[in-house]
Amino acid sequence: MPQFGKRSTANLNEAHADLQTVFNEVIKHFDCTVIEGYRCEAEQNEAYRTGKSKAKFGQSKHNKTPSHAVDVCPYPINWSDLNRMRYFAGYVVGIAAMMKGKGIIDHNIRWGGDWDKDTEVKDNRFQDLPHFEIY
């Protein structure tokens, strides 16, 4: 069974309890790595400057304490395998919906590949495939 390493565990521990609950279940079935949880001002501004985020510091769910967003990728990370990232996201969103339906978590999860949550991924203007947030 896969398990999180020290870095992923530390990043996930910065996140809201609902995100921790979801990804602690996901890791039991799908190997993944938590790239980022909370983002400080310098990290957020760098993400904005480099185009990895559309939000400046204070506007991102990564900037809350605990973080209301995490960036998670299937492991091993292959940035060019977009199909695997989408497959992983479907798995995460499905697990989260099941947990919300059972009252295990309080929030819904939104994925950065389907910002408007309409299950149509081709209408997204900004792709942030590792991004998952509570709403």
Protein backbone atom coordinates (compact mmCIF):
# COMPACT_ATOMS: atom_id res chain seq x y z
CA MET A 1 0.00 0.00 0.00
CA PRO A 2 1.40 3.44 -0.90
CA GLN A 3 2.09 5.95 1.84
CA PHE A 4 3.07 9.58 2.00
CA GLY A 5 6.69 10.53 2.50
CA LYS A 6 7.85 13.15 5.00
CA ARG A 7 7.48 16.09 2.60
CA SER A 8 3.98 15.11 1.47
CA THR A 9 2.92 14.51 5.06
CA ALA A 10 4.23 17.92 6.13
CA ASN A 11 2.50 19.66 3.20
CA LEU A 12 -0.78 17.85 3.83
CA ASN A 13 -0.63 18.69 7.53
CA GLU A 14 -0.80 22.38 6.54
CA ALA A 15 -4.19 21.79 4.91
CA HIS A 16 -7.78 21.86 6.13
CA ALA A 17 -8.94 18.68 7.88
CA ASP A 18 -11.29 17.78 5.00
CA LEU A 19 -8.40 17.79 2.52
CA GLN A 20 -6.32 15.70 4.92
CA THR A 21 -9.16 13.19 5.27
CA VAL A 22 -9.67 12.88 1.51
CA PHE A 23 -6.01 12.47 0.61
CA ASN A 24 -5.31 10.12 3.51
CA GLU A 25 -7.94 7.87 1.92
CA VAL A 26 -6.72 8.43 -1.65
CA ILE A 27 -3.13 7.40 -0.78
CA LYS A 28 -4.40 4.00 0.35
CA HIS A 29 -5.40 3.23 -3.24
CA PHE A 30 -3.48 5.57 -5.56
CA ASP A 31 0.14 6.58 -5.04
CA CYS A 32 0.48 10.35 -5.04
CA THR A 33 2.58 13.18 -3.70
CA VAL A 34 1.48 16.41 -2.02
CA ILE A 35 3.53 19.10 -3.69
CA GLU A 36 2.17 22.05 -1.76
CA GLY A 37 -0.28 23.02 0.94
CA TYR A 38 0.10 26.48 2.49
CA ARG A 39 1.84 29.15 0.40
CA CYS A 40 3.51 32.11 2.08
CA GLU A 41 3.54 35.54 0.43
CA ALA A 42 6.83 35.00 -1.40
CA GLU A 43 5.77 31.58 -2.73
CA GLN A 44 2.36 32.84 -3.85
CA ASN A 45 3.80 35.89 -5.56
CA GLU A 46 6.34 33.67 -7.36
CA ALA A 47 3.55 31.30 -8.49
CA TYR A 48 1.63 34.32 -9.81
CA ARG A 49 4.71 35.83 -11.49
CA THR A 50 5.55 32.59 -13.28
CA GLY A 51 1.96 31.95 -14.39
CA LYS A 52 1.42 28.89 -12.19
CA SER A 53 -1.35 30.78 -10.38
CA LYS A 54 -3.85 33.44 -11.37
CA ALA A 55 -4.05 34.69 -7.78
CA LYS A 56 -1.84 37.13 -5.92
CA PHE A 57 -1.06 36.63 -2.25
CA GLY A 58 -4.21 36.74 -0.14
CA GLN A 59 -6.44 35.73 -3.06
CA SER A 60 -5.49 32.05 -3.17
CA LYS A 61 -6.96 29.30 -1.04
CA HIS A 62 -3.33 28.21 -0.51
CA ASN A 63 -2.84 31.37 1.58
CA LYS A 64 -5.28 30.47 4.35
CA THR A 65 -4.26 28.80 7.59
CA PRO A 66 -4.99 25.96 7.45
CA SER A 67 -4.69 25.90 3.67
CA HIS A 68 -7.97 25.41 1.81
CA ALA A 69 -6.05 24.07 -1.21
CA VAL A 70 -3.38 21.51 -1.96
CA ASP A 71 -1.44 20.61 -5.07
CA VAL A 72 -1.26 16.83 -5.45
CA CYS A 73 0.00 14.70 -8.35
CA PRO A 74 0.01 11.00 -9.06
CA TYR A 75 3.39 9.48 -8.24
CA PRO A 76 5.79 9.27 -9.95
CA ILE A 77 5.15 12.74 -11.35
CA ASN A 78 5.12 12.97 -15.14
CA TRP A 79 4.13 16.53 -16.09
CA SER A 80 3.56 15.52 -19.71
CA ASP A 81 1.09 12.71 -18.87
CA LEU A 82 -2.06 14.83 -18.70
CA ASN A 83 -4.33 11.82 -19.10
CA ARG A 84 -2.96 10.27 -15.91
CA MET A 85 -3.42 13.56 -14.05
CA ARG A 86 -7.03 13.74 -15.23
CA TYR A 87 -7.61 10.11 -14.29
CA PHE A 88 -6.18 10.80 -10.83
CA ALA A 89 -8.35 13.90 -10.43
CA GLY A 90 -11.47 11.90 -11.26
CA TYR A 91 -10.49 9.41 -8.60
CA VAL A 92 -9.95 12.16 -6.01
CA VAL A 93 -13.20 13.96 -6.86
CA GLY A 94 -15.10 10.67 -6.68
CA ILE A 95 -13.64 9.75 -3.28
CA ALA A 96 -14.39 13.26 -1.99
CA ALA A 97 -17.99 13.16 -3.24
CA MET A 98 -18.52 9.78 -1.57
CA MET A 99 -17.04 11.07 1.71
CA LYS A 100 -19.17 14.23 1.58
CA GLY A 101 -22.28 12.15 0.89
CA LYS A 102 -21.55 9.98 3.93
CA GLY A 103 -20.90 13.01 6.15
CA ILE A 104 -17.22 12.13 6.60
CA ILE A 105 -16.17 15.58 5.33
CA ASP A 106 -18.08 18.87 5.41
CA HIS A 107 -16.92 20.48 2.16
CA ASN A 108 -17.02 19.68 -1.53
CA ILE A 109 -13.77 19.47 -3.48
CA ARG A 110 -13.09 21.48 -6.62
CA TRP A 111 -10.34 20.51 -9.05
CA GLY A 112 -8.20 22.94 -11.07
CA GLY A 113 -9.05 21.12 -14.28
CA ASP A 114 -12.78 21.83 -13.90
CA TRP A 115 -13.13 25.19 -12.16
CA ASP A 116 -16.84 25.56 -12.94
CA LYS A 117 -17.55 22.00 -11.72
CA ASP A 118 -19.62 21.09 -14.79
CA THR A 119 -17.60 17.88 -15.47
CA GLU A 120 -16.53 19.35 -18.83
CA VAL A 121 -12.76 19.79 -18.89
CA LYS A 122 -12.41 21.30 -22.36
CA ASP A 123 -14.00 24.62 -21.32
CA ASN A 124 -11.31 25.45 -18.75
CA ARG A 125 -9.34 28.61 -19.51
CA PHE A 126 -6.65 27.98 -16.89
CA GLN A 127 -5.40 24.45 -16.31
CA ASP A 128 -4.11 23.75 -12.81
CA LEU A 129 -4.28 19.97 -12.86
CA PRO A 130 -2.54 19.31 -9.49
CA HIS A 131 -4.86 21.78 -7.66
CA PHE A 132 -7.65 20.62 -5.32
CA GLU A 133 -9.56 22.95 -2.99
CA ILE A 134 -12.50 22.92 -0.62
CA TYR A 135 -15.52 25.09 -1.27
